[in-house]
C-alpha atoms as a PDB file:
ATOM      1  CA  MET A   1      22.738   2.193   9.300  1.00  0.00           C
ATOM      2  CA  ARG A   2      19.480   2.688   7.500  1.00  0.00           C
ATOM      3  CA  LEU A   3      19.684   3.326   3.545  1.00  0.00           C
ATOM      4  CA  ALA A   4      18.714   7.117   3.864  1.00  0.00           C
ATOM      5  CA  ALA A   5      22.252   7.890   5.430  1.00  0.00           C
ATOM      6  CA  LEU A   6      23.965   6.491   2.183  1.00  0.00           C
ATOM      7  CA  PHE A   7      22.453   8.974  -0.114  1.00  0.00           C
ATOM      8  CA  THR A   8      20.735  12.713   0.227  1.00  0.00           C
ATOM      9  CA  LEU A   9      17.349  13.204  -0.645  1.00  0.00           C
ATOM     10  CA  LEU A  10      16.863  16.737  -2.340  1.00  0.00           C
ATOM     11  CA  PHE A  11      14.046  19.026  -1.470  1.00  0.00           C
ATOM     12  CA  ILE A  12      12.262  17.149   1.070  1.00  0.00           C
ATOM     13  CA  THR A  13       9.422  19.271   1.438  1.00  0.00           C
ATOM     14  CA  VAL A  14       7.701  20.568   4.600  1.00  0.00           C
ATOM     15  CA  THR A  15       4.444  20.546   2.727  1.00  0.00           C
ATOM     16  CA  ALA A  16       4.716  16.569   2.877  1.00  0.00           C
ATOM     17  CA  ARG A  17       5.377  16.391   6.182  1.00  0.00           C
ATOM     18  CA  ALA A  18       2.650  18.740   7.150  1.00  0.00           C
ATOM     19  CA  GLU A  19       0.213  16.683   5.102  1.00  0.00           C
ATOM     20  CA  THR A  20       0.788  13.179   6.410  1.00  0.00           C
ATOM     21  CA  GLY A  21       2.517  13.881  10.041  1.00  0.00           C
ATOM     22  CA  VAL A  22       5.174  11.908  11.374  1.00  0.00           C
ATOM     23  CA  TRP A  23       4.594   7.916  10.554  1.00  0.00           C
ATOM     24  CA  PRO A  24       5.419   5.367  12.746  1.00  0.00           C
ATOM     25  CA  GLY A  25       8.727   3.634  11.760  1.00  0.00           C
ATOM     26  CA  TYR A  26       9.782   0.496  10.945  1.00  0.00           C
ATOM     27  CA  PRO A  27      10.534  -1.332  13.585  1.00  0.00           C
ATOM     28  CA  ASP A  28      14.208  -1.669  14.930  1.00  0.00           C
ATOM     29  CA  SER A  29      13.449  -5.325  15.881  1.00  0.00           C
ATOM     30  CA  LEU A  30      13.246  -6.157  12.420  1.00  0.00           C
ATOM     31  CA  THR A  31      16.168  -7.083  10.022  1.00  0.00           C
ATOM     32  CA  ASP A  32      16.973  -4.027   7.926  1.00  0.00           C
ATOM     33  CA  TYR A  33      17.262  -4.640   3.977  1.00  0.00           C
ATOM     34  CA  THR A  34      18.972  -2.367   1.649  1.00  0.00           C
ATOM     35  CA  TYR A  35      19.350  -2.695  -2.066  1.00  0.00           C
ATOM     36  CA  GLU A  36      22.027  -0.292  -2.880  1.00  0.00           C
ATOM     37  CA  GLY A  37      23.687  -0.013  -6.572  1.00  0.00           C
ATOM     38  CA  ASP A  38      23.324  -2.507  -8.804  1.00  0.00           C
ATOM     39  CA  ASP A  39      21.586  -4.767  -5.799  1.00  0.00           C
ATOM     40  CA  LEU A  40      18.090  -3.373  -6.607  1.00  0.00           C
ATOM     41  CA  GLN A  41      18.094  -3.947 -10.258  1.00  0.00           C
ATOM     42  CA  THR A  42      19.451  -7.807  -9.495  1.00  0.00           C
ATOM     43  CA  HIS A  43      16.894  -8.513  -7.252  1.00  0.00           C
ATOM     44  CA  TRP A  44      14.261  -6.677  -8.919  1.00  0.00           C
ATOM     45  CA  GLU A  45      12.246  -9.990  -9.629  1.00  0.00           C
ATOM     46  CA  ASP A  46      12.197 -11.398  -6.835  1.00  0.00           C
ATOM     47  CA  LEU A  47      11.047  -8.211  -4.948  1.00  0.00           C
ATOM     48  CA  THR A  48       8.294  -7.999  -7.818  1.00  0.00           C
ATOM     49  CA  ALA A  49       7.271 -11.393  -7.917  1.00  0.00           C
ATOM     50  CA  LEU A  50       3.776 -10.882  -6.736  1.00  0.00           C
ATOM     51  CA  ILE A  51       3.343  -7.986  -8.871  1.00  0.00           C
ATOM     52  CA  HIS A  52       4.962  -6.877 -11.989  1.00  0.00           C
ATOM     53  CA  ILE A  53       6.458  -3.516 -12.006  1.00  0.00           C
ATOM     54  CA  ALA A  54       8.902  -2.835 -15.057  1.00  0.00           C
ATOM     55  CA  TYR A  55      12.219  -1.597 -13.579  1.00  0.00           C
ATOM     56  CA  PRO A  56      12.160   2.297 -13.175  1.00  0.00           C
ATOM     57  CA  ASP A  57      14.876   2.810 -15.523  1.00  0.00           C
ATOM     58  CA  GLU A  58      15.074   5.527 -18.345  1.00  0.00           C
ATOM     59  CA  ALA A  59      13.509   3.213 -20.895  1.00  0.00           C
ATOM     60  CA  TYR A  60      10.592   2.795 -18.937  1.00  0.00           C
ATOM     61  CA  ILE A  61      10.198   6.363 -18.566  1.00  0.00           C
ATOM     62  CA  ARG A  62      10.144   7.152 -22.070  1.00  0.00           C
ATOM     63  CA  ASN A  63       7.679   3.961 -22.611  1.00  0.00           C
ATOM     64  CA  LEU A  64       5.505   5.356 -19.987  1.00  0.00           C
ATOM     65  CA  PHE A  65       5.516   9.090 -21.741  1.00  0.00           C
ATOM     66  CA  GLY A  66       4.936   7.396 -25.094  1.00  0.00           C
ATOM     67  CA  GLN A  67       1.848   5.203 -23.601  1.00  0.00           C
ATOM     68  CA  TYR A  68       0.444   8.151 -21.602  1.00  0.00           C
ATOM     69  CA  PRO A  69       0.774  11.799 -23.056  1.00  0.00           C
ATOM     70  CA  ASP A  70      -1.182  13.245 -20.093  1.00  0.00           C
ATOM     71  CA  LEU A  71       0.889  11.660 -18.182  1.00  0.00           C
ATOM     72  CA  LYS A  72       4.184  13.344 -19.787  1.00  0.00           C
ATOM     73  CA  ALA A  73       2.026  16.799 -19.839  1.00  0.00           C
ATOM     74  CA  ALA A  74       1.390  17.106 -16.462  1.00  0.00           C
ATOM     75  CA  MET A  75       5.383  16.039 -15.614  1.00  0.00           C
ATOM     76  CA  LEU A  76       6.286  18.779 -17.509  1.00  0.00           C
ATOM     77  CA  ARG A  77       4.060  21.235 -16.136  1.00  0.00           C
ATOM     78  CA  GLU A  78       5.220  20.125 -12.869  1.00  0.00           C
ATOM     79  CA  ALA A  79       8.834  20.465 -14.467  1.00  0.00           C
ATOM     80  CA  ALA A  80       8.363  24.166 -15.220  1.00  0.00           C
ATOM     81  CA  GLU A  81       7.511  25.034 -11.433  1.00  0.00           C
ATOM     82  CA  THR A  82      10.126  27.234  -9.789  1.00  0.00           C
ATOM     83  CA  ARG A  83      10.770  24.716  -6.896  1.00  0.00           C
ATOM     84  CA  ALA A  84      10.426  21.379  -9.096  1.00  0.00           C
ATOM     85  CA  HIS A  85      13.216  18.603  -7.722  1.00  0.00           C
ATOM     86  CA  PRO A  86      15.909  18.986 -10.322  1.00  0.00           C
ATOM     87  CA  ALA A  87      15.219  15.296 -11.582  1.00  0.00           C
ATOM     88  CA  LEU A  88      12.277  16.753 -13.184  1.00  0.00           C
ATOM     89  CA  LYS A  89      13.662  19.909 -14.433  1.00  0.00           C
ATOM     90  CA  ALA A  90      15.978  17.616 -16.436  1.00  0.00           C
ATOM     91  CA  ILE A  91      13.019  16.059 -18.326  1.00  0.00           C
ATOM     92  CA  MET A  92      12.409  19.513 -19.852  1.00  0.00           C
ATOM     93  CA  LYS A  93      15.550  18.686 -21.698  1.00  0.00           C
ATOM     94  CA  ASP A  94      14.512  15.306 -22.592  1.00  0.00           C
ATOM     95  CA  ASP A  95      16.877  13.901 -20.034  1.00  0.00           C
ATOM     96  CA  TYR A  96      15.325  11.021 -17.830  1.00  0.00           C
ATOM     97  CA  SER A  97      18.588  10.095 -16.527  1.00  0.00           C
ATOM     98  CA  ALA A  98      18.172  11.957 -13.018  1.00  0.00           C
ATOM     99  CA  LEU A  99      14.320  10.990 -12.930  1.00  0.00           C
ATOM    100  CA  ALA A 100      15.288   7.158 -13.152  1.00  0.00           C
ATOM    101  CA  ILE A 101      17.645   7.508 -10.438  1.00  0.00           C
ATOM    102  CA  GLN A 102      15.353   9.269  -8.129  1.00  0.00           C
ATOM    103  CA  LEU A 103      12.588   6.510  -9.099  1.00  0.00           C
ATOM    104  CA  GLN A 104      14.961   3.921  -8.216  1.00  0.00           C
ATOM    105  CA  ASN A 105      15.623   5.736  -4.895  1.00  0.00           C
ATOM    106  CA  VAL A 106      12.134   5.762  -3.983  1.00  0.00           C
ATOM    107  CA  TRP A 107      11.897   1.992  -4.382  1.00  0.00           C
ATOM    108  CA  ARG A 108      15.563   1.300  -2.530  1.00  0.00           C
ATOM    109  CA  LEU A 109      13.508   3.302   0.364  1.00  0.00           C
ATOM    110  CA  HIS A 110      10.331   1.501   0.019  1.00  0.00           C
ATOM    111  CA  TYR A 111      11.998  -2.138   0.389  1.00  0.00           C
ATOM    112  CA  SER A 112      14.317  -1.359   3.024  1.00  0.00           C
ATOM    113  CA  GLY A 113      10.693  -0.129   5.237  1.00  0.00           C
ATOM    114  CA  GLN A 114      11.601   3.722   4.957  1.00  0.00           C
ATOM    115  CA  TYR A 115       8.002   4.434   4.005  1.00  0.00           C
ATOM    116  CA  GLN A 116       7.690   7.843   4.635  1.00  0.00           C
ATOM    117  CA  GLN A 117      10.638   8.936   2.800  1.00  0.00           C
ATOM    118  CA  ALA A 118       9.842   6.816   0.015  1.00  0.00           C
ATOM    119  CA  TYR A 119       6.292   8.812  -0.016  1.00  0.00           C
ATOM    120  CA  ASP A 120       7.941  12.524   0.679  1.00  0.00           C
ATOM    121  CA  LEU A 121      10.853  11.924  -2.337  1.00  0.00           C
ATOM    122  CA  GLY A 122       7.925  10.203  -4.390  1.00  0.00           C
ATOM    123  CA  MET A 123       6.039  12.911  -4.067  1.00  0.00           C
ATOM    124  CA  GLN A 124       8.500  15.369  -5.221  1.00  0.00           C
ATOM    125  CA  LEU A 125       8.846  13.389  -8.674  1.00  0.00           C
ATOM    126  CA  GLY A 126       5.304  14.482 -10.283  1.00  0.00           C
ATOM    127  CA  PRO A 127       2.632  11.864 -10.785  1.00  0.00           C
ATOM    128  CA  VAL A 128       5.134   8.947 -12.040  1.00  0.00           C
ATOM    129  CA  GLY A 129       6.560   9.645  -8.719  1.00  0.00           C
ATOM    130  CA  GLU A 130       3.219   9.730  -6.968  1.00  0.00           C
ATOM    131  CA  ILE A 131       2.322   6.157  -8.136  1.00  0.00           C
ATOM    132  CA  PRO A 132       5.216   4.357  -5.705  1.00  0.00           C
ATOM    133  CA  ALA A 133       4.929   6.959  -3.141  1.00  0.00           C
ATOM    134  CA  ASN A 134       0.923   5.961  -2.958  1.00  0.00           C
ATOM    135  CA  TYR A 135       1.980   2.253  -2.942  1.00  0.00           C
ATOM    136  CA  ALA A 136       4.528   2.922   0.232  1.00  0.00           C
ATOM    137  CA  ARG A 137       1.769   4.864   1.699  1.00  0.00           C
ATOM    138  CA  LEU A 138      -0.530   1.565   1.661  1.00  0.00           C
ATOM    139  CA  ILE A 139       1.661  -0.495   2.663  1.00  0.00           C
ATOM    140  CA  ASN A 140       2.793   1.549   5.768  1.00  0.00           C
ATOM    141  CA  ALA A 141      -0.890   2.107   6.501  1.00  0.00           C
ATOM    142  CA  SER A 142      -1.521  -1.552   6.684  1.00  0.00           C
ATOM    143  CA  PHE A 143       1.545  -2.977   8.184  1.00  0.00           C
ATOM    144  CA  ILE A 144       2.635  -0.342  10.750  1.00  0.00           C
ATOM    145  CA  ILE A 145      -0.081   2.141  11.486  1.00  0.00           C
ATOM    146  CA  THR A 146      -2.372   0.259  14.391  1.00  0.00           C
ATOM    147  CA  ASP A 147      -5.003   2.851  14.937  1.00  0.00           C
ATOM    148  CA  LYS A 148      -8.423   2.121  12.614  1.00  0.00           C
ATOM    149  CA  LYS A 149      -9.598   5.968  12.572  1.00  0.00           C
ATOM    150  CA  VAL A 150      -5.651   6.610  11.142  1.00  0.00           C
ATOM    151  CA  LYS A 151      -5.901   3.580   8.870  1.00  0.00           C
ATOM    152  CA  LEU A 152      -9.051   4.643   7.388  1.00  0.00           C
ATOM    153  CA  ALA A 153      -7.930   8.204   7.001  1.00  0.00           C
ATOM    154  CA  GLU A 154      -4.654   7.098   5.347  1.00  0.00           C
ATOM    155  CA  PHE A 155      -6.271   4.383   2.823  1.00  0.00           C
ATOM    156  CA  ARG A 156      -8.562   7.505   1.708  1.00  0.00           C
ATOM    157  CA  ALA A 157      -5.811   9.190   1.026  1.00  0.00           C
ATOM    158  CA  CYS A 158      -4.530   6.750  -1.097  1.00  0.00           C
ATOM    159  CA  GLU A 159      -7.647   6.060  -2.950  1.00  0.00           C
ATOM    160  CA  GLU A 160      -7.773   9.856  -3.593  1.00  0.00           C
ATOM    161  CA  SER A 161      -4.119   9.605  -5.030  1.00  0.00           C
ATOM    162  CA  SER A 162      -4.866   6.891  -7.039  1.00  0.00           C
ATOM    163  CA  GLN A 163      -7.903   8.021  -8.654  1.00  0.00           C
ATOM    164  CA  SER A 164      -6.037  11.217  -9.224  1.00  0.00           C
ATOM    165  CA  THR A 165      -3.127   9.837 -11.136  1.00  0.00           C
ATOM    166  CA  LEU A 166      -5.719   7.295 -13.155  1.00  0.00           C
ATOM    167  CA  LYS A 167      -6.743  10.222 -14.929  1.00  0.00           C
ATOM    168  CA  LEU A 168      -3.525  10.413 -16.318  1.00  0.00           C
ATOM    169  CA  ALA A 169      -2.400   6.691 -16.911  1.00  0.00           C
ATOM    170  CA  PRO A 170      -5.938   5.089 -17.208  1.00  0.00           C
ATOM    171  CA  ASP A 171      -5.025   1.410 -17.569  1.00  0.00           C
ATOM    172  CA  TYR A 172      -1.835   1.652 -15.584  1.00  0.00           C
ATOM    173  CA  ALA A 173      -2.089  -1.766 -13.851  1.00  0.00           C
ATOM    174  CA  LEU A 174       0.071  -0.293 -10.460  1.00  0.00           C
ATOM    175  CA  ASN A 175      -1.969   2.375  -9.950  1.00  0.00           C
ATOM    176  CA  GLN A 176      -5.432   0.553 -10.770  1.00  0.00           C
ATOM    177  CA  TYR A 177      -4.134  -2.321  -8.444  1.00  0.00           C
ATOM    178  CA  GLY A 178      -3.311   1.040  -5.671  1.00  0.00           C
ATOM    179  CA  LEU A 179      -7.116   1.862  -5.907  1.00  0.00           C
ATOM    180  CA  VAL A 180      -8.615  -1.354  -5.652  1.00  0.00           C
ATOM    181  CA  TYR A 181      -6.253  -2.368  -2.535  1.00  0.00           C
ATOM    182  CA  ALA A 182      -6.763   0.563  -0.709  1.00  0.00           C
ATOM    183  CA  ARG A 183     -10.934   0.062  -1.205  1.00  0.00           C
ATOM    184  CA  VAL A 184     -10.598  -3.502  -0.508  1.00  0.00           C
ATOM    185  CA  ARG A 185      -8.541  -2.175   3.150  1.00  0.00           C
ATOM    186  CA  ILE A 186     -11.088   0.629   3.271  1.00  0.00           C
ATOM    187  CA  LEU A 187     -14.081  -2.354   3.190  1.00  0.00           C
ATOM    188  CA  GLU A 188     -12.129  -4.256   6.383  1.00  0.00           C
ATOM    189  CA  LEU A 189     -12.633  -0.851   8.332  1.00  0.00           C
ATOM    190  CA  LEU A 190     -16.365  -0.466   7.375  1.00  0.00           C
ATOM    191  CA  ASP A 191     -19.440  -1.958   9.195  1.00  0.00           C
ATOM    192  CA  ASN A 192     -21.685  -4.203   7.116  1.00  0.00           C
ATOM    193  CA  THR A 193     -24.086  -1.100   6.338  1.00  0.00           C
ATOM    194  CA  GLN A 194     -21.432   1.145   5.192  1.00  0.00           C
ATOM    195  CA  ALA A 195     -19.766  -1.666   3.119  1.00  0.00           C
ATOM    196  CA  ARG A 196     -22.808  -3.022   1.137  1.00  0.00           C
ATOM    197  CA  ASN A 197     -24.002   1.144   0.453  1.00  0.00           C
ATOM    198  CA  SER A 198     -20.065   1.907  -0.829  1.00  0.00           C
ATOM    199  CA  GLY A 199     -20.417   0.198  -4.069  1.00  0.00           C
ATOM    200  CA  TYR A 200     -16.733  -0.897  -3.590  1.00  0.00           C
ATOM    201  CA  ILE A 201     -17.311  -4.508  -3.603  1.00  0.00           C
ATOM    202  CA  ASP A 202     -18.518  -4.450  -7.157  1.00  0.00           C
ATOM    203  CA  TYR A 203     -15.898  -2.217  -8.135  1.00  0.00           C
ATOM    204  CA  ALA A 204     -13.491  -4.572  -6.507  1.00  0.00           C
ATOM    205  CA  GLN A 205     -14.684  -7.774  -8.006  1.00  0.00           C
ATOM    206  CA  SER A 206     -15.116  -5.972 -11.585  1.00  0.00           C
ATOM    207  CA  ALA A 207     -11.454  -4.452 -11.303  1.00  0.00           C
ATOM    208  CA  LEU A 208      -9.863  -7.693 -10.209  1.00  0.00           C
ATOM    209  CA  GLN A 209     -11.616  -9.778 -12.879  1.00  0.00           C
ATOM    210  CA  LYS A 210     -10.455  -7.218 -15.733  1.00  0.00           C
ATOM    211  CA  LEU A 211      -6.930  -7.361 -13.975  1.00  0.00           C
ATOM    212  CA  MET A 212      -6.830 -11.106 -13.936  1.00  0.00           C
ATOM    213  CA  LYS A 213      -7.790 -11.449 -17.370  1.00  0.00           C
ATOM    214  CA  ARG A 214      -4.810  -8.826 -18.532  1.00  0.00           C
ATOM    215  CA  PHE A 215      -2.110 -10.520 -16.007  1.00  0.00           C
ATOM    216  CA  PRO A 216      -2.972 -14.078 -15.665  1.00  0.00           C
ATOM    217  CA  ASP A 217       0.282 -14.774 -14.377  1.00  0.00           C
ATOM    218  CA  GLU A 218       0.489 -12.662 -11.369  1.00  0.00           C
ATOM    219  CA  PRO A 219      -0.496 -13.873  -8.260  1.00  0.00           C
ATOM    220  CA  VAL A 220      -1.463 -10.808  -6.501  1.00  0.00           C
ATOM    221  CA  TYR A 221      -4.723 -10.277  -7.900  1.00  0.00           C
ATOM    222  CA  PRO A 222      -6.455 -14.085  -7.050  1.00  0.00           C
ATOM    223  CA  VAL A 223      -4.810 -13.333  -3.646  1.00  0.00           C
ATOM    224  CA  THR A 224      -6.585  -9.871  -3.454  1.00  0.00           C
ATOM    225  CA  GLU A 225      -9.882 -11.555  -4.681  1.00  0.00           C
ATOM    226  CA  GLY A 226      -9.663 -14.349  -2.171  1.00  0.00           C
ATOM    227  CA  GLY A 227      -9.402 -11.739   0.465  1.00  0.00           C
ATOM    228  CA  LEU A 228     -12.408 -10.233  -0.614  1.00  0.00           C
ATOM    229  CA  GLU A 229     -14.493 -12.880  -1.156  1.00  0.00           C
ATOM    230  CA  ALA A 230     -13.322 -14.432   2.638  1.00  0.00           C
ATOM    231  CA  GLY A 231     -14.557 -10.969   3.716  1.00  0.00           C
ATOM    232  CA  ILE A 232     -17.653 -11.009   2.324  1.00  0.00           C
ATOM    233  CA  VAL A 233     -18.274 -14.588   3.588  1.00  0.00           C
ATOM    234  CA  ALA A 234     -17.790 -13.320   6.816  1.00  0.00           C
ATOM    235  CA  ARG A 235     -20.070 -10.442   6.855  1.00  0.00           C
ATOM    236  CA  VAL A 236     -22.982 -12.283   5.357  1.00  0.00           C
ATOM    237  CA  GLY A 237     -22.662 -15.773   5.294  1.00  0.00           C
ATOM    238  CA  SER A 238     -21.864 -18.133   2.459  1.00  0.00           C
ATOM    239  CA  LEU A 239     -25.166 -18.504   0.905  1.00  0.00           C
ATOM    240  CA  LEU A 240     -26.295 -14.934   1.162  1.00  0.00           C
ATOM    241  CA  ALA A 241     -22.699 -14.072  -0.285  1.00  0.00           C
ATOM    242  CA  THR A 242     -23.561 -16.643  -3.236  1.00  0.00           C
ATOM    243  CA  LEU A 243     -26.951 -15.242  -3.904  1.00  0.00           C
ATOM    244  CA  THR A 244     -26.019 -11.149  -3.308  1.00  0.00           C
ATOM    245  CA  TYR A 245     -22.113 -11.008  -5.106  1.00  0.00           C
ATOM    246  CA  GLY A 246     -21.463 -14.816  -6.635  1.00  0.00           C
ATOM    247  CA  VAL A 247     -18.809 -15.807  -4.225  1.00  0.00           C
ATOM    248  CA  SER A 248     -18.752 -18.767  -1.545  1.00  0.00           C
ATOM    249  CA  GLU A 249     -16.039 -19.902   1.163  1.00  0.00           C
ATOM    250  CA  ASP A 250     -15.182 -22.175  -1.695  1.00  0.00           C
ATOM    251  CA  SER A 251     -14.468 -19.954  -4.431  1.00  0.00           C
ATOM    252  CA  ALA A 252     -12.536 -17.820  -1.681  1.00  0.00           C
ATOM    253  CA  ILE A 253     -10.147 -20.741  -1.054  1.00  0.00           C
ATOM    254  CA  SER A 254      -9.796 -21.679  -4.755  1.00  0.00           C
ATOM    255  CA  ALA A 255      -8.795 -17.976  -5.518  1.00  0.00           C
ATOM    256  CA  PHE A 256      -5.890 -18.680  -3.135  1.00  0.00           C
ATOM    257  CA  ASN A 257      -4.993 -22.047  -3.874  1.00  0.00           C
ATOM    258  CA  ARG A 258      -4.807 -20.662  -7.537  1.00  0.00           C
ATOM    259  CA  ALA A 259      -2.486 -18.075  -6.532  1.00  0.00           C
ATOM    260  CA  LEU A 260       0.031 -20.668  -5.022  1.00  0.00           C
ATOM    261  CA  ARG A 261       0.435 -22.479  -7.983  1.00  0.00           C
ATOM    262  CA  TYR A 262       2.209 -19.419  -9.300  1.00  0.00           C
ATOM    263  CA  PRO A 263       6.017 -19.945  -9.196  1.00  0.00           C
ATOM    264  CA  LYS A 264       7.571 -17.699  -5.877  1.00  0.00           C
ATOM    265  CA  ALA A 265       4.081 -17.429  -4.689  1.00  0.00           C
ATOM    266  CA  ARG A 266       4.749 -19.274  -1.394  1.00  0.00           C
ATOM    267  CA  GLN A 267       5.925 -16.076   0.576  1.00  0.00           C
ATOM    268  CA  PRO A 268       4.923 -14.297   3.324  1.00  0.00           C
ATOM    269  CA  THR A 269       2.411 -12.307   1.989  1.00  0.00           C
ATOM    270  CA  VAL A 270       0.571 -15.033   0.394  1.00  0.00           C
ATOM    271  CA  LEU A 271       0.480 -17.388   3.263  1.00  0.00           C
ATOM    272  CA  ASN A 272      -0.347 -14.577   5.586  1.00  0.00           C
ATOM    273  CA  GLU A 273      -3.340 -13.336   3.688  1.00  0.00           C
ATOM    274  CA  PHE A 274      -4.523 -16.912   3.166  1.00  0.00           C
ATOM    275  CA  ALA A 275      -4.494 -17.614   7.017  1.00  0.00           C
ATOM    276  CA  THR A 276      -5.936 -14.180   7.391  1.00  0.00           C
ATOM    277  CA  ALA A 277      -8.947 -15.068   5.197  1.00  0.00           C
ATOM    278  CA  MET A 278     -10.042 -18.704   6.863  1.00  0.00           C
ATOM    279  CA  THR A 279      -9.703 -17.020   9.845  1.00  0.00           C
ATOM    280  CA  ARG A 280     -12.270 -14.584   8.802  1.00  0.00           C
ATOM    281  CA  ILE A 281     -14.315 -17.606   7.185  1.00  0.00           C
ATOM    282  CA  SER A 282     -13.971 -19.914  10.632  1.00  0.00           C
ATOM    283  CA  VAL A 283     -11.203 -20.739  12.948  1.00  0.00           C
ATOM    284  CA  ARG A 284     -13.136 -23.726  14.060  1.00  0.00           C
ATOM    285  CA  ASN A 285     -13.189 -25.063  10.447  1.00  0.00           C
ATOM    286  CA  TYR A 286      -9.754 -24.079   9.650  1.00  0.00           C
ATOM    287  CA  GLY A 287      -7.560 -23.989  12.700  1.00  0.00           C
ATOM    288  CA  ASP A 288      -5.317 -26.875  11.636  1.00  0.00           C
ATOM    289  CA  ASP A 289      -4.838 -25.211   8.369  1.00  0.00           C
ATOM    290  CA  ILE A 290      -3.940 -21.596   9.773  1.00  0.00           C
ATOM    291  CA  ARG A 291      -1.268 -22.603  12.013  1.00  0.00           C
ATOM    292  CA  ARG A 292       0.274 -24.463   9.150  1.00  0.00           C
ATOM    293  CA  LEU A 293       0.110 -21.381   6.925  1.00  0.00           C
ATOM    294  CA  HIS A 294       1.313 -18.963   9.658  1.00  0.00           C
ATOM    295  CA  THR A 295       3.993 -21.644  10.352  1.00  0.00           C
ATOM    296  CA  LEU A 296       5.278 -21.641   6.674  1.00  0.00           C
ATOM    297  CA  CYS A 297       5.011 -17.913   7.073  1.00  0.00           C
ATOM    298  CA  ALA A 298       7.173 -17.654  10.000  1.00  0.00           C
ATOM    299  CA  GLU A 299       9.531 -19.729   8.640  1.00  0.00           C
ATOM    300  CA  ALA A 300       9.726 -18.070   4.646  1.00  0.00           C
ATOM    301  CA  ASP A 301      12.372 -16.741   3.093  1.00  0.00           C
ATOM    302  CA  VAL A 302      12.271 -12.603   3.656  1.00  0.00           C
ATOM    303  CA  LYS A 303      13.748 -10.335   0.886  1.00  0.00           C
ATOM    304  CA  SER A 304      12.346  -6.735   2.075  1.00  0.00           C
ATOM    305  CA  ALA A 305      10.851  -4.793   5.012  1.00  0.00           C
ATOM    306  CA  GLU A 306       7.212  -5.612   3.691  1.00  0.00           C
ATOM    307  CA  GLU A 307       7.876  -9.389   3.844  1.00  0.00           C
ATOM    308  CA  ALA A 308       9.419  -8.867   7.461  1.00  0.00           C
ATOM    309  CA  LEU A 309       6.142  -6.839   8.805  1.00  0.00           C
ATOM    310  CA  VAL A 310       4.235  -9.705   7.190  1.00  0.00           C
ATOM    311  CA  GLN A 311       6.155 -12.072   8.664  1.00  0.00           C
ATOM    312  CA  ALA A 312       6.146 -10.515  12.088  1.00  0.00           C
ATOM    313  CA  GLN A 313       2.382 -10.602  12.238  1.00  0.00           C
ATOM    314  CA  CYS A 314       2.469 -14.565  11.177  1.00  0.00           C
ATOM    315  CA  ARG A 315       4.953 -15.048  14.288  1.00  0.00           C
ATOM    316  CA  ALA A 316       2.702 -12.828  16.557  1.00  0.00           C
ATOM    317  CA  GLU A 317      -0.105 -15.144  15.497  1.00  0.00           C
ATOM    318  CA  LEU A 318       1.576 -18.505  16.148  1.00  0.00           C
ATOM    319  CA  SER A 319       2.707 -16.852  19.696  1.00  0.00           C
ATOM    320  CA  ARG A 320      -0.981 -16.670  20.272  1.00  0.00           C
END
């Protein structure tokens, strides 16, 4: 039974459904993952191994509000609305327990592959909920939606959402990475001229360098850097990539090798992204490495719906 059947999501709005339509669901053929009760916190470190996300308890919310007063003010404005979610209304009385529970439910839905439900609930919880809602939308667009036009529209919407919440919490890392990730995925769908003129390459390179400097032990950033650089090399060749953007085939592969040195980095997402990067650069030169990475990915221990989706991609590539 899906996790949504285990607890009631209050105030699921017609607006959210109208805006996003009905998303394609997590495939029934893949394993179900549920993190009920204390299981979410117990497994939180493993679930967030690639990018550290603080567990969303009451202390997290208080710290967030203390660090970002504009974010707190925006949350209180939304809480004052007549149709505000009850968890939002509670913060007007300095009670953050209900909001913490609902934020945890957003992540429960996310890690179980119920991305639209995670998005819908998160969007009812103000800007603090919009950040994980946006992350759910990014993953759904990356690994479930197949139509390129729909993908691009979804990534554009995620880009806009990240820009909006960054105004309230300018250096919040998950939000910063959400914008980088959206723009890197957008780049993959643009033609060469559009990609060059977008300014997204320079933005992503600069933002990733800053994030890696702030968080040197988080592998998601070199993984994203390696994928970005591989895409550049695939478009213009290693020589022009070096002259124009300061990247090369070797630097792209080096970024992934740096990521793989981190503890817990050998999981489906990293292995699949590395294989995809090599495929973009040269199947002829890296065929054996690509097959090895896809095999490791296909055999890896999977802890969430997101990883299961990635692993399914690896197995599909091996079957070809």
